[in-house]
Amino acid sequence: MLNTFPDLLVLGFFAPTIIRIAVALSFVSIAYLQWKRHTELSEIKFPIIGRSSWWVSVSILLHVALASAMLFGYYTQIAALVGMVVFIKQAIFAKRYPRAVPLCRGEYVLLVFMCFSLLISGAGALAYDLPL
């Protein structure tokens, strides 16, 4: 099959980089929204951990750590695997705890597939990662 723009195939190595930056920006956005609603989120009672503010701080730190790993390309595949677990958990909790989860369920499913793509394809350009 003929390609419409065959010269752009040379830049295919940068496609995972664009996905990586988009996932990093979504992690930063979620961390910022959780930081902004820190006091409101600490009042939510969860089944196992109860009502406390330490889980909000841990969640913010986890999102910031995953965002920095994705943004700088440091162990991207491990960060993508952990990110998939985080996004699946948040997609499950999106209906039960809508105040704690800032995005809707469909956006989390899209982010899970983006992380899965990074897990399979690798980190892309300008990244330090382990080869598969």
Protein backbone atom coordinates (compact mmCIF):
# COMPACT_ATOMS: atom_id res chain seq x y z
CA MET A 1 0.00 0.00 0.00
CA LEU A 2 1.34 3.39 -0.91
CA ASN A 3 1.95 5.96 1.75
CA THR A 4 0.76 9.51 1.20
CA PHE A 5 3.76 11.07 2.93
CA PRO A 6 6.66 8.59 2.70
CA ASP A 7 9.20 11.15 3.91
CA LEU A 8 7.52 11.29 7.32
CA LEU A 9 8.29 7.62 8.02
CA VAL A 10 11.78 8.70 9.00
CA LEU A 11 10.28 10.49 12.02
CA GLY A 12 8.48 7.36 13.26
CA PHE A 13 10.96 7.08 16.13
CA PHE A 14 9.50 10.25 17.65
CA ALA A 15 5.93 8.86 17.88
CA PRO A 16 6.49 7.17 21.29
CA THR A 17 8.10 10.40 22.48
CA ILE A 18 4.93 12.33 21.73
CA ILE A 19 2.81 9.71 23.50
CA ARG A 20 5.22 9.78 26.45
CA ILE A 21 4.95 13.56 26.79
CA ALA A 22 1.13 13.42 26.55
CA VAL A 23 0.96 10.82 29.34
CA ALA A 24 3.37 12.89 31.46
CA LEU A 25 1.20 15.97 31.04
CA SER A 26 -1.87 13.99 32.09
CA PHE A 27 -0.03 12.80 35.22
CA VAL A 28 0.90 16.41 36.02
CA SER A 29 -2.70 17.50 35.46
CA ILE A 30 -4.08 14.83 37.79
CA ALA A 31 -1.50 15.66 40.46
CA TYR A 32 -2.33 19.36 40.22
CA LEU A 33 -6.07 18.74 40.49
CA GLN A 34 -5.54 16.49 43.52
CA TRP A 35 -3.26 19.06 45.14
CA LYS A 36 -5.84 21.77 44.54
CA ARG A 37 -8.58 19.70 46.25
CA HIS A 38 -6.36 18.29 49.01
CA THR A 39 -8.64 19.19 51.92
CA GLU A 40 -11.77 18.03 50.13
CA LEU A 41 -10.18 14.70 49.20
CA SER A 42 -8.96 14.04 52.72
CA GLU A 43 -12.60 13.95 53.90
CA ILE A 44 -13.55 11.02 51.64
CA LYS A 45 -13.89 7.73 53.51
CA PHE A 46 -12.36 4.80 51.66
CA PRO A 47 -13.06 1.16 52.65
CA ILE A 48 -9.59 0.13 53.83
CA ILE A 49 -7.68 3.33 54.56
CA GLY A 50 -10.58 5.30 55.99
CA ARG A 51 -10.59 9.07 56.21
CA SER A 52 -7.10 10.57 56.25
CA SER A 53 -4.94 12.99 54.33
CA TRP A 54 -1.82 10.85 53.94
CA TRP A 55 -3.19 8.94 50.94
CA VAL A 56 -3.73 12.19 49.05
CA SER A 57 -0.09 13.16 49.59
CA VAL A 58 1.10 9.72 48.51
CA SER A 59 -1.10 9.87 45.42
CA ILE A 60 0.23 13.30 44.48
CA LEU A 61 3.83 12.17 44.95
CA LEU A 62 3.21 9.03 42.88
CA HIS A 63 1.70 11.04 40.05
CA VAL A 64 4.57 13.55 40.11
CA ALA A 65 7.17 10.75 40.15
CA LEU A 66 5.52 8.98 37.22
CA ALA A 67 5.19 12.27 35.33
CA SER A 68 8.87 13.06 35.77
CA ALA A 69 9.87 9.53 34.71
CA MET A 70 7.72 9.83 31.60
CA LEU A 71 8.78 13.37 30.77
CA PHE A 72 12.51 12.74 31.08
CA GLY A 73 12.29 9.22 29.65
CA TYR A 74 13.86 7.52 32.65
CA TYR A 75 12.76 3.85 32.85
CA THR A 76 9.71 4.64 30.79
CA GLN A 77 8.52 1.07 30.43
CA ILE A 78 8.48 0.53 34.18
CA ALA A 79 6.69 3.86 34.64
CA ALA A 80 4.20 2.86 31.92
CA LEU A 81 3.49 -0.42 33.71
CA VAL A 82 2.91 1.34 37.03
CA GLY A 83 0.90 4.01 35.21
CA MET A 84 -1.34 1.34 33.72
CA VAL A 85 -2.08 0.00 37.19
CA VAL A 86 -2.80 3.51 38.49
CA PHE A 87 -5.06 4.38 35.57
CA ILE A 88 -6.97 1.08 35.79
CA LYS A 89 -7.51 1.69 39.51
CA GLN A 90 -8.73 5.20 38.85
CA ALA A 91 -11.01 4.00 36.04
CA ILE A 92 -12.60 1.55 38.47
CA PHE A 93 -12.98 4.21 41.18
CA ALA A 94 -14.29 6.87 38.76
CA LYS A 95 -17.93 5.93 39.30
CA ARG A 96 -17.81 5.24 43.03
CA TYR A 97 -15.60 8.19 44.08
CA PRO A 98 -16.09 10.93 41.46
CA ARG A 99 -14.55 13.64 43.67
CA ALA A 100 -11.32 11.70 44.16
CA VAL A 101 -10.83 10.88 40.48
CA PRO A 102 -10.55 14.03 38.35
CA LEU A 103 -10.99 12.53 34.86
CA CYS A 104 -13.82 10.45 33.43
CA ARG A 105 -13.61 6.72 32.84
CA GLY A 106 -13.11 6.97 29.07
CA GLU A 107 -10.07 9.19 29.48
CA TYR A 108 -8.49 6.68 31.82
CA VAL A 109 -9.11 3.86 29.33
CA LEU A 110 -7.38 5.95 26.65
CA LEU A 111 -4.44 6.59 29.01
CA VAL A 112 -4.20 2.85 29.77
CA PHE A 113 -3.86 2.14 26.05
CA MET A 114 -1.27 4.92 25.68
CA CYS A 115 0.78 3.39 28.52
CA PHE A 116 0.39 -0.05 26.96
CA SER A 117 1.68 1.37 23.67
CA LEU A 118 4.72 2.77 25.50
CA LEU A 119 5.28 -0.56 27.21
CA ILE A 120 5.33 -2.41 23.89
CA SER A 121 7.04 0.12 21.62
CA GLY A 122 9.60 1.54 24.02
CA ALA A 123 10.37 5.03 25.18
CA GLY A 124 11.20 6.73 21.91
CA ALA A 125 13.77 9.44 21.35
CA LEU A 126 15.78 11.13 24.10
CA ALA A 127 15.09 8.49 26.72
CA TYR A 128 17.02 6.17 28.98
CA ASP A 129 15.30 2.82 29.09
CA LEU A 130 16.06 -0.86 29.26
CA PRO A 131 15.82 -2.66 25.93
CA LEU A 132 13.23 -5.38 25.63
